[in-house]
Amino acid sequence: MIFRNKCKACDYWTVFELKVNDETALKTCTHCQNKEEILWDSSAETLIRDGEKDIRALEGHFPALASLKNRGDHIRF
């Protein structure tokens, strides 16, 4: 699964890759390659989906967010 968010390590808005392994998931920033293991349950999945909805809503104010489509894409405001 890929999704967009702001990376805490590099401070860019970017595309993340998520690999689920049973009860945990590995979240990787495709810009700086920072990896973070998170607990994977239904609430984590909901947070990611809701976050993506929030980013789509922000695209009206920050059109550059719409350009984050592929691994490695990144922007900073």
C-alpha atoms as a PDB file:
ATOM      1  CA  MET A   1       0.000   0.000   0.000  1.00  0.00           C
ATOM      2  CA  ILE A   2       1.231   3.495  -0.734  1.00  0.00           C
ATOM      3  CA  PHE A   3      -0.055   6.684   0.871  1.00  0.00           C
ATOM      4  CA  ARG A   4       0.958  10.326   1.297  1.00  0.00           C
ATOM      5  CA  ASN A   5       2.014  12.007   4.529  1.00  0.00           C
ATOM      6  CA  LYS A   6       4.714  14.216   6.031  1.00  0.00           C
ATOM      7  CA  CYS A   7       7.903  12.415   7.013  1.00  0.00           C
ATOM      8  CA  LYS A   8       9.165  13.211  10.498  1.00  0.00           C
ATOM      9  CA  ALA A   9      12.732  12.314   9.517  1.00  0.00           C
ATOM     10  CA  CYS A  10      13.225  14.471   6.400  1.00  0.00           C
ATOM     11  CA  ASP A  11      10.373  16.990   6.949  1.00  0.00           C
ATOM     12  CA  TYR A  12       9.021  16.567   3.390  1.00  0.00           C
ATOM     13  CA  TRP A  13       5.513  15.709   2.284  1.00  0.00           C
ATOM     14  CA  THR A  14       6.057  12.483   0.377  1.00  0.00           C
ATOM     15  CA  VAL A  15       4.772   9.077  -0.633  1.00  0.00           C
ATOM     16  CA  PHE A  16       5.112   6.276   1.913  1.00  0.00           C
ATOM     17  CA  GLU A  17       5.158   2.563   1.292  1.00  0.00           C
ATOM     18  CA  LEU A  18       3.519   0.274   3.830  1.00  0.00           C
ATOM     19  CA  LYS A  19       4.302  -3.449   4.066  1.00  0.00           C
ATOM     20  CA  VAL A  20       2.036  -5.346   6.450  1.00  0.00           C
ATOM     21  CA  ASN A  21       3.421  -8.364   8.338  1.00  0.00           C
ATOM     22  CA  ASP A  22       0.648  -9.875  10.469  1.00  0.00           C
ATOM     23  CA  GLU A  23       0.458  -7.631  13.580  1.00  0.00           C
ATOM     24  CA  THR A  24       3.044  -5.042  12.519  1.00  0.00           C
ATOM     25  CA  ALA A  25       3.702  -2.963   9.431  1.00  0.00           C
ATOM     26  CA  LEU A  26       6.831  -1.321   8.084  1.00  0.00           C
ATOM     27  CA  LYS A  27       6.227   2.289   7.004  1.00  0.00           C
ATOM     28  CA  THR A  28       8.956   3.589   4.664  1.00  0.00           C
ATOM     29  CA  CYS A  29       9.453   7.134   3.403  1.00  0.00           C
ATOM     30  CA  THR A  30      10.193   6.733  -0.310  1.00  0.00           C
ATOM     31  CA  HIS A  31      12.205   9.990  -0.300  1.00  0.00           C
ATOM     32  CA  CYS A  32      14.705   9.507   2.560  1.00  0.00           C
ATOM     33  CA  GLN A  33      14.130   5.752   3.104  1.00  0.00           C
ATOM     34  CA  ASN A  34      13.448   6.248   6.834  1.00  0.00           C
ATOM     35  CA  LYS A  35      11.687   3.147   8.172  1.00  0.00           C
ATOM     36  CA  GLU A  36       9.324   2.890  11.107  1.00  0.00           C
ATOM     37  CA  GLU A  37       7.638  -0.232  12.421  1.00  0.00           C
ATOM     38  CA  ILE A  38       4.069   0.320  13.610  1.00  0.00           C
ATOM     39  CA  LEU A  39       1.452  -1.910  15.192  1.00  0.00           C
ATOM     40  CA  TRP A  40      -1.033  -2.970  12.535  1.00  0.00           C
ATOM     41  CA  ASP A  41      -4.689  -3.218  13.450  1.00  0.00           C
ATOM     42  CA  SER A  42      -7.967  -1.812  12.185  1.00  0.00           C
ATOM     43  CA  SER A  43      -7.369   1.554  13.881  1.00  0.00           C
ATOM     44  CA  ALA A  44      -4.000   1.978  12.116  1.00  0.00           C
ATOM     45  CA  GLU A  45      -5.616   1.246   8.756  1.00  0.00           C
ATOM     46  CA  THR A  46      -8.391   3.746   9.522  1.00  0.00           C
ATOM     47  CA  LEU A  47      -5.846   6.442  10.466  1.00  0.00           C
ATOM     48  CA  ILE A  48      -4.013   6.001   7.164  1.00  0.00           C
ATOM     49  CA  ARG A  49      -7.216   6.111   5.098  1.00  0.00           C
ATOM     50  CA  ASP A  50      -8.515   9.158   7.007  1.00  0.00           C
ATOM     51  CA  GLY A  51      -5.137  10.873   6.601  1.00  0.00           C
ATOM     52  CA  GLU A  52      -5.316  10.374   2.845  1.00  0.00           C
ATOM     53  CA  LYS A  53      -8.813  11.914   2.824  1.00  0.00           C
ATOM     54  CA  ASP A  54      -7.450  14.904   4.756  1.00  0.00           C
ATOM     55  CA  ILE A  55      -4.633  15.358   2.241  1.00  0.00           C
ATOM     56  CA  ARG A  56      -7.114  15.282  -0.642  1.00  0.00           C
ATOM     57  CA  ALA A  57      -9.066  18.040   1.124  1.00  0.00           C
ATOM     58  CA  LEU A  58      -5.848  20.082   1.542  1.00  0.00           C
ATOM     59  CA  GLU A  59      -5.111  19.868  -2.195  1.00  0.00           C
ATOM     60  CA  GLY A  60      -7.468  22.824  -2.722  1.00  0.00           C
ATOM     61  CA  HIS A  61      -5.201  25.031  -0.595  1.00  0.00           C
ATOM     62  CA  PHE A  62      -1.915  23.344  -1.558  1.00  0.00           C
ATOM     63  CA  PRO A  63      -2.237  22.081  -5.161  1.00  0.00           C
ATOM     64  CA  ALA A  64       1.319  20.679  -5.084  1.00  0.00           C
ATOM     65  CA  LEU A  65       0.070  17.855  -2.850  1.00  0.00           C
ATOM     66  CA  ALA A  66      -1.755  16.439  -5.876  1.00  0.00           C
ATOM     67  CA  SER A  67       1.635  15.851  -7.549  1.00  0.00           C
ATOM     68  CA  LEU A  68       2.616  13.258  -4.929  1.00  0.00           C
ATOM     69  CA  LYS A  69       1.767  10.134  -6.882  1.00  0.00           C
ATOM     70  CA  ASN A  70       4.888   8.017  -7.287  1.00  0.00           C
ATOM     71  CA  ARG A  71       7.503   6.602  -4.960  1.00  0.00           C
ATOM     72  CA  GLY A  72      10.184   9.223  -4.330  1.00  0.00           C
ATOM     73  CA  ASP A  73       7.941  12.231  -5.066  1.00  0.00           C
ATOM     74  CA  HIS A  74       8.376  14.893  -2.364  1.00  0.00           C
ATOM     75  CA  ILE A  75       7.634  18.553  -1.647  1.00  0.00           C
ATOM     76  CA  ARG A  76       8.213  20.988   1.208  1.00  0.00           C
ATOM     77  CA  PHE A  77       6.116  24.030   2.088  1.00  0.00           C
END
